[in-house]
Protein backbone atom coordinates (compact mmCIF):
# COMPACT_ATOMS: atom_id res chain seq x y z
CA MET A 1 85.97 74.99 102.60
CA ALA A 2 85.74 71.29 103.17
CA THR A 3 84.64 68.94 100.04
CA THR A 4 81.06 68.39 100.01
CA VAL A 5 79.86 64.76 99.08
CA THR A 6 76.42 63.67 98.80
CA SER A 7 75.81 60.27 100.44
CA ALA A 8 73.33 57.75 99.52
CA ALA A 9 69.85 58.01 101.03
CA PRO A 10 66.46 55.92 100.95
CA ILE A 11 63.44 57.68 99.56
CA THR A 12 62.18 60.46 101.99
CA ASP A 13 58.88 62.14 103.09
CA GLU A 14 60.50 65.33 101.36
CA LEU A 15 60.65 63.75 97.66
CA ARG A 16 58.32 65.71 95.34
CA VAL A 17 57.74 64.45 91.87
CA TRP A 18 56.37 66.58 88.81
CA LEU A 19 55.23 64.36 85.85
CA ASP A 20 53.74 65.94 82.62
CA GLY A 21 52.22 68.94 83.98
CA ARG A 22 51.33 68.16 87.63
CA ILE A 23 52.56 67.34 91.15
CA GLN A 24 52.28 63.57 91.95
CA HIS A 25 50.90 63.84 95.74
CA ASP A 26 52.14 60.52 96.38
CA PRO A 27 55.32 59.86 94.23
CA THR A 28 55.32 56.06 95.28
CA GLU A 29 52.04 55.48 93.05
CA PRO A 30 52.07 54.07 89.67
CA ALA A 31 52.17 56.98 87.19
CA LEU A 32 54.31 56.12 84.22
CA SER A 33 52.98 53.92 81.39
CA VAL A 34 54.74 50.58 81.14
CA LEU A 35 55.08 51.41 77.55
CA ASP A 36 57.21 54.34 78.25
CA HIS A 37 60.29 53.93 75.97
CA GLY A 38 62.49 55.34 78.78
CA VAL A 39 61.53 52.04 80.66
CA THR A 40 61.53 49.49 77.91
CA VAL A 41 64.68 50.47 75.90
CA GLY A 42 66.36 53.20 77.96
CA ASP A 43 65.16 55.70 75.16
CA GLY A 44 65.71 58.80 77.45
CA VAL A 45 68.17 61.34 78.83
CA PHE A 46 68.55 63.04 82.06
CA GLU A 47 70.35 65.73 84.41
CA ALA A 48 70.96 65.97 87.90
CA LEU A 49 71.80 69.05 89.91
CA LYS A 50 72.22 70.37 93.36
CA VAL A 51 70.13 72.75 95.41
CA THR A 52 71.25 74.78 98.05
CA ALA A 53 69.83 77.53 100.41
CA ALA A 54 70.22 79.98 97.63
CA GLY A 55 68.24 77.86 94.89
CA PRO A 56 69.33 75.37 92.17
CA PHE A 57 72.62 75.51 90.66
CA SER A 58 73.64 76.17 87.00
CA VAL A 59 70.30 75.21 85.72
CA GLN A 60 70.85 76.75 82.23
CA ARG A 61 74.22 74.74 81.70
CA HIS A 62 72.13 71.53 82.57
CA LEU A 63 69.26 72.25 80.38
CA ASP A 64 71.66 73.10 77.59
CA ARG A 65 73.28 69.52 77.98
CA LEU A 66 69.87 68.10 78.20
CA THR A 67 69.17 69.38 74.74
CA ARG A 68 72.48 68.03 73.56
CA SER A 69 71.72 64.59 75.06
CA ALA A 70 68.26 64.71 73.52
CA ARG A 71 69.50 65.51 70.06
CA ALA A 72 71.75 62.73 70.43
CA MET A 73 68.98 60.26 71.04
CA ASN A 74 67.00 61.82 68.33
CA LEU A 75 64.50 63.37 70.85
CA PRO A 76 62.59 66.37 70.38
CA ASP A 77 64.26 69.42 72.06
CA PRO A 78 62.86 69.69 75.75
CA ASP A 79 60.94 72.96 76.74
CA HIS A 80 63.33 74.77 78.64
CA ASP A 81 60.54 76.97 80.10
CA LEU A 82 58.34 74.08 80.94
CA VAL A 83 61.53 72.45 82.87
CA ARG A 84 62.13 75.64 84.77
CA ASP A 85 58.48 75.83 85.76
CA ALA A 86 58.47 72.18 86.92
CA ILE A 87 61.71 72.58 88.99
CA SER A 88 59.89 75.68 90.52
CA ALA A 89 56.84 73.57 91.40
CA VAL A 90 58.72 70.66 92.91
CA LEU A 91 61.04 73.27 95.13
CA ALA A 92 58.10 75.34 96.13
CA GLY A 93 57.58 75.13 99.74
CA ARG A 94 60.61 72.70 100.68
CA SER A 95 61.53 72.24 104.27
CA TRP A 96 65.14 71.28 103.54
CA THR A 97 68.31 73.26 102.62
CA GLU A 98 70.46 71.11 100.58
CA GLY A 99 69.03 68.89 98.05
CA LYS A 100 69.19 67.61 94.32
CA VAL A 101 66.76 67.81 91.49
CA ARG A 102 66.59 65.03 88.90
CA ILE A 103 65.21 65.98 85.25
CA THR A 104 64.36 62.79 83.18
CA TYR A 105 63.09 63.26 79.62
CA THR A 106 62.10 60.23 77.55
CA GLY A 107 60.58 59.32 74.26
CA GLY A 108 57.19 58.59 75.88
CA ARG A 109 55.21 55.67 74.75
CA GLY A 110 56.67 53.24 72.14
CA PRO A 111 56.80 49.87 70.91
CA LEU A 112 58.25 46.89 72.87
CA GLY A 113 61.51 46.98 71.09
CA SER A 114 64.15 49.53 69.59
CA GLN A 115 62.04 50.96 67.00
CA GLN A 116 61.39 54.80 67.34
CA ALA A 117 59.06 55.85 70.15
CA PHE A 118 55.65 56.96 69.27
CA GLY A 119 55.57 60.14 71.45
CA PRO A 120 54.68 62.77 72.92
CA PRO A 121 57.98 62.54 75.27
CA THR A 122 57.74 62.25 78.80
CA LEU A 123 58.93 64.84 81.39
CA ILE A 124 59.57 63.93 84.98
CA VAL A 125 61.06 66.47 87.40
CA ALA A 126 61.95 65.28 90.79
CA ALA A 127 63.53 66.82 93.99
CA ASP A 128 64.60 65.54 97.47
CA ALA A 129 66.80 66.61 100.30
CA ARG A 130 70.27 65.26 100.28
CA VAL A 131 72.67 64.09 103.04
CA LEU A 132 76.23 65.78 102.83
CA SER A 133 79.21 64.40 104.12
CA ARG A 134 82.96 65.56 103.99
CA GLN A 135 85.20 62.56 103.32
CA GLY A 136 87.53 61.88 100.79
CA ALA A 137 86.67 59.10 98.16
CA SER A 138 87.82 55.75 98.10
CA ILE A 139 87.90 54.54 94.33
CA VAL A 140 88.58 51.30 92.47
CA THR A 141 89.27 50.63 89.01
CA THR A 142 86.60 48.67 87.40
CA PRO A 143 87.34 45.64 85.13
CA TRP A 144 85.29 47.14 82.16
CA THR A 145 86.19 49.77 79.63
CA ARG A 146 84.41 52.56 77.99
CA ASN A 147 83.95 52.89 74.43
CA THR A 148 85.47 56.09 72.83
CA ARG A 149 83.46 55.74 69.82
CA GLY A 150 80.02 54.22 70.44
CA ALA A 151 76.76 56.06 69.64
CA MET A 152 76.07 57.09 73.24
CA THR A 153 79.71 57.89 74.21
CA GLY A 154 79.55 61.22 76.30
CA VAL A 155 75.50 61.25 76.20
CA LYS A 156 73.91 61.48 79.53
CA THR A 157 71.30 58.66 78.77
CA THR A 158 68.97 56.82 81.17
CA SER A 159 70.48 53.66 79.94
CA TYR A 160 72.81 53.65 82.98
CA ALA A 161 73.09 49.95 83.87
CA GLU A 162 76.73 49.94 83.24
CA ASN A 163 77.26 52.80 85.50
CA VAL A 164 75.15 50.74 88.19
CA ARG A 165 77.21 47.92 87.75
CA GLY A 166 80.43 49.71 88.12
CA LEU A 167 79.32 51.48 91.26
CA ALA A 168 78.23 47.98 92.62
CA TYR A 169 81.70 46.72 91.85
CA ALA A 170 83.04 49.55 93.87
CA ALA A 171 80.78 49.20 96.62
CA ASP A 172 81.77 45.19 96.93
CA ARG A 173 85.41 46.68 97.68
CA ASP A 174 84.50 49.28 100.26
CA ALA A 175 84.70 52.15 97.71
CA SER A 176 82.42 55.07 96.93
CA GLU A 177 83.28 55.28 93.27
CA GLY A 178 84.35 53.01 90.26
CA ILE A 179 86.82 54.18 87.48
CA PHE A 180 86.62 53.11 84.01
CA ILE A 181 89.47 53.03 81.58
CA ASN A 182 88.59 53.42 78.02
CA THR A 183 89.16 51.08 75.17
CA GLU A 184 92.33 53.10 74.11
CA GLY A 185 94.07 52.36 77.42
CA HIS A 186 93.41 55.45 79.01
CA LEU A 187 91.84 57.10 81.91
CA CYS A 188 88.19 57.93 81.15
CA GLU A 189 85.86 58.77 84.19
CA GLY A 190 83.85 57.50 87.17
CA THR A 191 80.45 55.95 87.18
CA GLY A 192 79.16 59.33 88.06
CA SER A 193 82.16 61.82 88.12
CA ASN A 194 85.06 63.29 86.30
CA ILE A 195 88.48 62.51 87.46
CA PHE A 196 91.66 64.82 87.80
CA CYS A 197 95.32 63.98 88.61
CA VAL A 198 97.69 66.36 89.97
CA PHE A 199 101.46 65.94 89.10
CA GLY A 200 103.29 68.55 91.06
CA THR A 201 101.26 71.70 90.52
CA ARG A 202 99.93 70.61 87.27
CA ILE A 203 96.21 69.35 87.17
CA VAL A 204 95.27 67.04 84.13
CA THR A 205 91.62 65.58 83.30
CA PRO A 206 90.94 63.43 80.52
CA PRO A 207 89.82 65.08 77.13
CA LEU A 208 86.36 64.55 75.91
CA SER A 209 87.70 62.51 73.03
CA ALA A 210 88.69 59.81 75.76
CA GLY A 211 84.95 59.24 76.32
CA PRO A 212 83.86 60.91 79.49
CA LEU A 213 80.73 62.84 79.93
CA ALA A 214 81.06 66.68 79.71
CA GLY A 215 80.57 67.10 83.23
CA ILE A 216 79.09 70.65 84.27
CA THR A 217 81.27 71.25 87.20
CA ARG A 218 84.30 69.89 85.05
CA ALA A 219 83.39 72.55 82.51
CA LEU A 220 83.54 75.04 85.14
CA LEU A 221 86.78 73.97 86.66
CA LEU A 222 88.39 74.21 83.41
CA GLU A 223 87.22 77.92 82.98
CA TRP A 224 87.90 78.79 86.48
CA CYS A 225 91.34 76.82 87.16
CA ASP A 226 94.50 76.00 85.23
CA ILE A 227 93.81 72.51 84.15
CA ASP A 228 95.02 70.67 81.29
CA GLU A 229 93.32 68.23 79.15
CA ALA A 230 95.38 65.33 78.19
CA ASP A 231 95.28 61.34 77.98
CA VAL A 232 96.50 59.67 80.94
CA THR A 233 97.23 55.82 81.47
CA LEU A 234 96.26 53.96 84.69
CA ALA A 235 100.00 53.80 85.69
CA GLU A 236 100.54 57.45 85.26
CA ALA A 237 97.39 58.23 87.19
CA LEU A 238 98.40 55.98 89.97
CA SER A 239 101.66 57.79 90.41
CA ALA A 240 99.96 61.31 90.70
CA ASP A 241 100.46 63.25 93.71
CA GLU A 242 96.81 63.95 94.36
CA VAL A 243 93.62 62.74 92.66
CA PHE A 244 90.06 64.47 92.94
CA LEU A 245 86.62 64.04 91.44
CA SER A 246 83.98 66.44 90.40
CA SER A 247 80.44 66.12 89.58
CA SER A 248 77.19 68.12 90.06
CA LEU A 249 76.16 66.75 93.38
CA ARG A 250 79.77 66.18 94.82
CA ASP A 251 81.31 69.53 93.86
CA VAL A 252 85.20 68.63 93.98
CA GLN A 253 86.07 65.67 96.13
CA SER A 254 89.51 64.48 97.06
CA VAL A 255 90.49 60.89 96.73
CA ALA A 256 92.10 59.15 99.84
CA ARG A 257 92.69 55.84 98.22
CA TRP A 258 92.66 54.30 94.77
CA ASP A 259 93.14 50.71 94.62
CA ALA A 260 96.24 49.92 96.76
CA VAL A 261 97.50 53.55 96.58
CA ASP A 262 96.71 55.65 99.66
CA PHE A 263 96.81 59.45 98.86
CA GLY A 264 95.99 60.40 102.43
CA ARG A 265 94.67 63.63 103.22
CA ILE A 266 93.59 66.42 100.76
CA GLY A 267 96.48 67.81 99.06
CA PRO A 268 97.33 71.48 98.55
CA VAL A 269 96.48 71.44 94.93
CA THR A 270 93.07 70.02 95.37
CA ARG A 271 92.46 72.24 98.51
CA GLN A 272 92.89 75.21 96.25
CA VAL A 273 90.51 73.83 93.57
CA ILE A 274 87.99 73.11 96.26
CA ASP A 275 88.17 76.58 97.71
CA VAL A 276 87.94 78.30 94.09
CA PHE A 277 84.76 76.38 93.06
CA ALA A 278 83.21 76.79 96.50
CA GLN A 279 83.72 80.61 96.34
CA ARG A 280 82.81 80.90 92.67
CA SER A 281 79.97 78.75 92.68
CA THR A 282 78.44 80.52 95.84
CA ALA A 283 78.77 83.80 94.30
CA ASP A 284 76.67 82.85 91.00
CA LEU A 285 73.98 80.34 90.79
CA GLU A 286 74.09 80.66 86.83
CA PRO A 287 77.86 80.54 86.07
């Protein structure tokens, strides 16, 4: 099976938004308080997961990570049953097959500063169709580093400006993903992906101690494939035989080019990982 990649797309008529208990019939209309702490200081967390013809994929793992992120932000635990109900609501009657769901959970209304939010928390669940392509990624190394010891290291927070900047840096260089090295000089992650290097038949991905997000697809690949977690320098990574990315919306994506290095077509090890993930994820929506 070919690599599945989600490409950028504008807001469509298929977009459906659930906010704090009800569907927003016009998702473009203002509905969130300007005092919401997720807006003023990025005091929130989120998840994004894919939807196929069979339904949303790996919801429980995403909810578990949402809870871990909320606790790291000192937010109340999200109500998993409520989130599931919201997901069902935004997916009901959809006309598309391939799509995505985004869950956003913030501190709710708060002060115009970094003090604790007043609450109650805000919950937003949105769903939209996604456009799929099947090409390898072109990636570049960003000039900024990931902090391995920051308070938000490894937390999927809505404070995503660094990732926005990194992805824009990549786009300016005709690439689709930007890769961060960490403050220790080792490979970390992409702006929205985990990264894997293949040396011969050995697959290596940065350990969580290197600062990357604990990706859902990354975790499944570690369970389903023979993959080592180890620190890798940029020079070592660029000398790899194959490189691939993973994320909840891209599944497993081969890397065709990294900076000045041309990896060319999908390599045999990457192809095997792509096939394993496709088979296992298709067979079980809640692995």
